[in-house]
Amino acid sequence: MQGLTQLKISGRVQGVFYRQSTKRKAQELGLRGWVRNKADGSVEALVAGPRADVAALVAWCKHGPPSAKVEALEVKWLDGNAAEGENLSEYELKFSEKFEIR
């Protein structure tokens, strides 16, 4: 079963290689999607792939790399119709065949 999830990670997550580490972990799991810094200091990700592998990345995101200090993790599981309701742009929903940093 395929999964699509939107993540918002808050805490000390910028300037600590959180995005690069998330990309590496997502690639190890064979996931597609992206991760990016937000102006409010959080990190956002949109992840797609087999639901069990997406869940494994979500679990990893709860702590992130050693230098990060995750204070909050918001997880929204989406399906195709729900994704449209989240006001995600076509650009945000477009994935390459790999996981990327935006």
C-alpha atoms as a PDB file:
ATOM      1  CA  MET A   1       0.000   0.000   0.000  1.00  0.00           C
ATOM      2  CA  GLN A   2       1.348   3.410  -0.965  1.00  0.00           C
ATOM      3  CA  GLY A   3       1.566   6.308   1.459  1.00  0.00           C
ATOM      4  CA  LEU A   4       1.824  10.069   1.086  1.00  0.00           C
ATOM      5  CA  THR A   5       2.568  12.235   4.074  1.00  0.00           C
ATOM      6  CA  GLN A   6       3.325  15.875   4.783  1.00  0.00           C
ATOM      7  CA  LEU A   7       5.677  16.554   7.705  1.00  0.00           C
ATOM      8  CA  LYS A   8       6.520  19.690   9.656  1.00  0.00           C
ATOM      9  CA  ILE A   9       9.470  19.356  12.001  1.00  0.00           C
ATOM     10  CA  SER A  10      10.133  22.082  14.586  1.00  0.00           C
ATOM     11  CA  GLY A  11      12.968  22.697  17.027  1.00  0.00           C
ATOM     12  CA  ARG A  12      16.676  23.032  16.285  1.00  0.00           C
ATOM     13  CA  VAL A  13      16.354  21.596  12.781  1.00  0.00           C
ATOM     14  CA  GLN A  14      17.998  24.189  10.532  1.00  0.00           C
ATOM     15  CA  GLY A  15      21.774  24.471  10.264  1.00  0.00           C
ATOM     16  CA  VAL A  16      22.243  20.950  11.678  1.00  0.00           C
ATOM     17  CA  PHE A  17      22.161  18.915   8.421  1.00  0.00           C
ATOM     18  CA  TYR A  18      18.548  17.877   9.008  1.00  0.00           C
ATOM     19  CA  ARG A  19      17.550  18.181   5.333  1.00  0.00           C
ATOM     20  CA  GLN A  20      20.626  16.350   4.038  1.00  0.00           C
ATOM     21  CA  SER A  21      20.206  13.601   6.633  1.00  0.00           C
ATOM     22  CA  THR A  22      16.501  13.269   5.805  1.00  0.00           C
ATOM     23  CA  LYS A  23      17.331  12.990   2.110  1.00  0.00           C
ATOM     24  CA  ARG A  24      19.909  10.283   2.812  1.00  0.00           C
ATOM     25  CA  LYS A  25      17.478   8.292   5.001  1.00  0.00           C
ATOM     26  CA  ALA A  26      14.659   8.648   2.456  1.00  0.00           C
ATOM     27  CA  GLN A  27      16.945   7.424  -0.328  1.00  0.00           C
ATOM     28  CA  GLU A  28      17.988   4.418   1.806  1.00  0.00           C
ATOM     29  CA  LEU A  29      14.277   3.579   2.129  1.00  0.00           C
ATOM     30  CA  GLY A  30      13.638   4.106  -1.604  1.00  0.00           C
ATOM     31  CA  LEU A  31      11.191   6.979  -1.063  1.00  0.00           C
ATOM     32  CA  ARG A  32      10.326   9.896  -3.339  1.00  0.00           C
ATOM     33  CA  GLY A  33       9.569  13.476  -2.353  1.00  0.00           C
ATOM     34  CA  TRP A  34      11.317  16.520  -1.025  1.00  0.00           C
ATOM     35  CA  VAL A  35      12.441  18.360   2.109  1.00  0.00           C
ATOM     36  CA  ARG A  36      12.918  22.109   2.585  1.00  0.00           C
ATOM     37  CA  ASN A  37      13.563  24.809   5.191  1.00  0.00           C
ATOM     38  CA  LYS A  38      10.688  27.123   6.101  1.00  0.00           C
ATOM     39  CA  ALA A  39      10.988  30.803   7.040  1.00  0.00           C
ATOM     40  CA  ASP A  40       9.644  30.072  10.546  1.00  0.00           C
ATOM     41  CA  GLY A  41      12.700  27.902  11.327  1.00  0.00           C
ATOM     42  CA  SER A  42      10.963  24.576  10.777  1.00  0.00           C
ATOM     43  CA  VAL A  43      11.611  21.934   8.129  1.00  0.00           C
ATOM     44  CA  GLU A  44       8.851  20.632   5.863  1.00  0.00           C
ATOM     45  CA  ALA A  45       8.788  17.406   3.862  1.00  0.00           C
ATOM     46  CA  LEU A  46       6.408  15.674   1.489  1.00  0.00           C
ATOM     47  CA  VAL A  47       7.129  11.951   1.274  1.00  0.00           C
ATOM     48  CA  ALA A  48       5.708   9.208  -0.960  1.00  0.00           C
ATOM     49  CA  GLY A  49       6.334   5.486  -1.186  1.00  0.00           C
ATOM     50  CA  PRO A  50       5.342   2.211   0.407  1.00  0.00           C
ATOM     51  CA  ARG A  51       3.440   3.074   3.578  1.00  0.00           C
ATOM     52  CA  ALA A  52       5.712   1.008   5.845  1.00  0.00           C
ATOM     53  CA  ASP A  53       8.800   2.804   4.497  1.00  0.00           C
ATOM     54  CA  VAL A  54       7.151   6.221   4.836  1.00  0.00           C
ATOM     55  CA  ALA A  55       6.278   5.297   8.442  1.00  0.00           C
ATOM     56  CA  ALA A  56       9.925   4.361   9.034  1.00  0.00           C
ATOM     57  CA  LEU A  57      11.035   7.808   7.834  1.00  0.00           C
ATOM     58  CA  VAL A  58       8.394   9.483  10.030  1.00  0.00           C
ATOM     59  CA  ALA A  59       9.774   7.563  13.032  1.00  0.00           C
ATOM     60  CA  TRP A  60      13.321   8.655  12.127  1.00  0.00           C
ATOM     61  CA  CYS A  61      12.189  12.303  11.811  1.00  0.00           C
ATOM     62  CA  LYS A  62      11.136  12.293  15.482  1.00  0.00           C
ATOM     63  CA  HIS A  63      14.820  12.598  16.412  1.00  0.00           C
ATOM     64  CA  GLY A  64      16.644  13.360  13.132  1.00  0.00           C
ATOM     65  CA  PRO A  65      20.437  13.592  12.955  1.00  0.00           C
ATOM     66  CA  PRO A  66      22.533  13.734  16.154  1.00  0.00           C
ATOM     67  CA  SER A  67      22.947  17.534  16.113  1.00  0.00           C
ATOM     68  CA  ALA A  68      19.194  18.216  15.791  1.00  0.00           C
ATOM     69  CA  LYS A  69      16.780  18.763  18.668  1.00  0.00           C
ATOM     70  CA  VAL A  70      13.273  17.965  17.460  1.00  0.00           C
ATOM     71  CA  GLU A  71      10.639  19.618  19.640  1.00  0.00           C
ATOM     72  CA  ALA A  72       7.560  18.853  17.536  1.00  0.00           C
ATOM     73  CA  LEU A  73       6.646  16.682  14.569  1.00  0.00           C
ATOM     74  CA  GLU A  74       3.361  17.262  12.759  1.00  0.00           C
ATOM     75  CA  VAL A  75       2.313  14.408  10.482  1.00  0.00           C
ATOM     76  CA  LYS A  76      -0.524  14.531   7.943  1.00  0.00           C
ATOM     77  CA  TRP A  77      -1.237  11.313   6.050  1.00  0.00           C
ATOM     78  CA  LEU A  78      -2.761  12.204   2.706  1.00  0.00           C
ATOM     79  CA  ASP A  79      -4.395  10.427  -0.180  1.00  0.00           C
ATOM     80  CA  GLY A  80      -4.801  11.946  -3.653  1.00  0.00           C
ATOM     81  CA  ASN A  81      -8.042  13.735  -2.785  1.00  0.00           C
ATOM     82  CA  ALA A  82      -6.837  14.899   0.625  1.00  0.00           C
ATOM     83  CA  ALA A  83      -3.652  16.296  -0.924  1.00  0.00           C
ATOM     84  CA  GLU A  84      -5.763  18.595  -3.093  1.00  0.00           C
ATOM     85  CA  GLY A  85      -7.555  19.835   0.028  1.00  0.00           C
ATOM     86  CA  GLU A  86      -4.284  20.763   1.714  1.00  0.00           C
ATOM     87  CA  ASN A  87      -3.721  23.629  -0.742  1.00  0.00           C
ATOM     88  CA  LEU A  88      -0.517  22.043  -2.021  1.00  0.00           C
ATOM     89  CA  SER A  89       0.557  23.469  -5.353  1.00  0.00           C
ATOM     90  CA  GLU A  90       1.284  21.331  -8.395  1.00  0.00           C
ATOM     91  CA  TYR A  91       4.981  22.101  -7.816  1.00  0.00           C
ATOM     92  CA  GLU A  92       4.753  20.837  -4.238  1.00  0.00           C
ATOM     93  CA  LEU A  93       3.083  17.606  -5.340  1.00  0.00           C
ATOM     94  CA  LYS A  94       5.464  16.989  -8.250  1.00  0.00           C
ATOM     95  CA  PHE A  95       8.145  14.447  -7.388  1.00  0.00           C
ATOM     96  CA  SER A  96      11.233  13.438  -9.191  1.00  0.00           C
ATOM     97  CA  GLU A  97      12.099   9.756  -9.169  1.00  0.00           C
ATOM     98  CA  LYS A  98      14.372  10.490  -6.214  1.00  0.00           C
ATOM     99  CA  PHE A  99      14.181  12.396  -2.949  1.00  0.00           C
ATOM    100  CA  GLU A 100      15.343  16.019  -3.249  1.00  0.00           C
ATOM    101  CA  ILE A 101      16.210  19.072  -1.186  1.00  0.00           C
ATOM    102  CA  ARG A 102      14.294  22.175  -2.222  1.00  0.00           C
END
